[in-house]
Amino acid sequence: MDFRDDRGVSELLGAILLFGLLISLLIIVQATAVPSANEQVEFQHSQQVQGDMLQLADDIDSVAGSGSNQLSVIDMGLYYPNRFLLFNPPPVSGTLSTSEDATFTITNAQATGEVGDYWDGTARSFSSQAITYRSSYNVYQGAPDVRYASGTVLNVFENGNANVVGGDSIVDGNRINLVAIQGSRDVSQATPLSLDVVPLSAPSRTVTVADTGSPITVTITTELSAAQWEAILEDELSANGGNVQSVAAGAQPNTVDITLVPGKSYQLRLAAVAVGSGISPPDASYLTPVTDQTIELARIEATELTVEVRDQFNNPVANEKVSFSSSGGTFDTGTVTTDANGQATVTFTPSSTGTAFATATINSGGSAAERAVFTVGVSEATTESIGDEWINSGYNSGVLLSEVDAANNKKSATLTFENTGSTAREAVSARLISSGSGVESVEFEGVDLPVGGSYISLPSTYTVPSGGSEDAQVDLTLIGAENSQTPELTLAVRYDNGDVSRYVFKIEDDSNLLSDADRVGIRSVSTVGSGNSGMAVEFVVTSDPRTVTDITIEGTSVGADTVQFSGQEVDESSGTGGFNGVMDVGTTYALSPTISLTDGETVTIRDFRVGGSPVDLSGESVVFTLEFADGSERTYTVTLP
């Protein structure tokens, strides 16, 4: 009789069969379900990257508009989710690179003014690149490369076909928007990439352009067909009320021509940004004047001339050398380096009447675009006496600036003008020669006077009665200046008799009253004495008399080391008063008795000597300083005829 029990064997066999069934199920899941799930994860990641590239397109446009860095994040790869008892392939890495050519060209676009020397209809080409993301998915086959080029994000497939994901339009109404991508970048990783988008030529400036008679054409290098670009620009087509006349395949492979409706003006907006290394800001391409190109001055009147240097994207170039030359005047310096705004400023003083030309150049100055020419109409100084010797004195006009009262936290002031003449004077026009502390313009009697501009007629003239005073309200427009700063202005006013007086003043908390030195200018100079070794100086004095207490002969162009000062001229042969004796150049001498200057008074300073021998002052310059009874002083520079 067999007493064996087989019930345990059956349970073991059941467990083995169940385990085998589980393993078979896991194998089926690993072989089919896991790849399918991972393919879905990879597809979703591809969609995420497309969204990241669209955000990159927005960031590029933001940098082009603001000129500030922008950090853009690209989800380069992925890590698969953990699956219990199942296996995943290694994490996916992605590659981001700048590679494909995306050059664009603008043809038949011309601008007006000095900008038109560069934008003259000539075809202008701009080097640019595409930014491409390429994945290395394990399961998702046929995943497209995601590419940014010409403002548009594309999916580019292995067979060469491409479709549009999104992006900005090159043409938007009457605006043409193009951003060049430069720099070298090639990186592969699975973790997110922080991509620094850096401005090279930004923020973008806008230039108004029109066609040359042939329509403006924008040619772009692209993997999209003309039909696809036509679809992108559908809302801008002329058939739909827009400004795109046609979209057609270009003459070169992989190019498309976008032709605009002729006879219209367009706003051209260009910029360049970098997304990698190995690139520097673009070079200077042209310059354009900031101040008026046509100016009216007196022979001894100085004015500031400002130019702006720009690159091929129409944006300012800093630290660029600008050279200045003239056929009829002088500059305070011949070469200026542009500031952060790409601007260079010099002070120009004409040397003769007629027409003077002041020229600014960059690079070799070989093309018209590398030069800016200012035309200066110069009248005789006796008609418009606006030299340093006549600041605030009201010379010729007889109208002096006697008081400045600040208001509105130094942003405006009331000017009090005093007419010392016997005839009322009517102010008819004015110009703002120069300013300080960031003043861009001055509102003077209802007229906006830009810095360095020409004379502008006053719509509401004001009259300064003889022997009286008249207030003129001046409102300042401060750009970039702190309230604590004190703007200094140089204002020229033309009166009804054609005379012009120049006024230099600051907007202070307290009134500025003119000193004796402010009231004494020089009307004329001439040589005197044997061999023209002396000079006679005729003074113009407002609200005379003004007392001179000390004199210093600062120096001469001929190198004189001593002079014989003959004092106040009563009779040229006798020369009484003031100082008699030998005076050393560079030494201050007290006058005893002091000289009381009245308008038209002539003082003779003669016998300029070098080593004891008289020298001829004809054509030479003399610098001397007068000190007055109120403690003020003024240094005068005169050139003898």
Foldseek 3Di string as FASTA:
>chain_A
DDPDDCPVVVVVVVVVVVVVVVVVVQVVCQVPVVLVVLLVVVVVLLVVQLVLVQVVLVQLVVCLQPVDKDKGKGQFWDDDDDDPPYDDDGTKKKKKWWDAWKKKKKAQKAADALSRLVRVRHIDIDTATKIWMGIDRDRNPFFFIWIDHFQWIWGATPVLDIATPDGDACDDAQEGEGEGEDATDIDMDNGMDIWMKHFQFDNWDKGKIAGPVAFIKMKIQASDAQVRSCVVCVCQDVVNVHFFPGWHADPDPRMIITTGHHPDMGIYTYTYIYRYDDDHRADWDFKHWPEDQEAEEAQQDKFKTKMATAGPSRAGDFQFKKAKDKPFWDWPDGIFTAHPRRMGMIIIHGHDAAKMKMKIAGDVNPGSRRIDIGIYHYDHCLLEVEHPQQAQQCPPNQKGWFKWAADDLQQKIKTKIARQDQAKKKWFKKAWRAKDQQWQWKQKQNDTHGHRYYIDTRPDIDIQGHRGIDIIIMGTDHDNGDSPDKMWTWMWTAIPVSYIYIYIDIRDNGMDGDDQSNNKGWDDKAFDDDLSLKMKTWIAGRPFWWKWFKKAFAAKPVGFFKWAFLDFDPDVVRSDFFDGDIDGHPDMDTTVVIDTDHHGTMGMIGQRDDPNHGDHQQQMKTWMKTATPVGDIDIDIDTYD
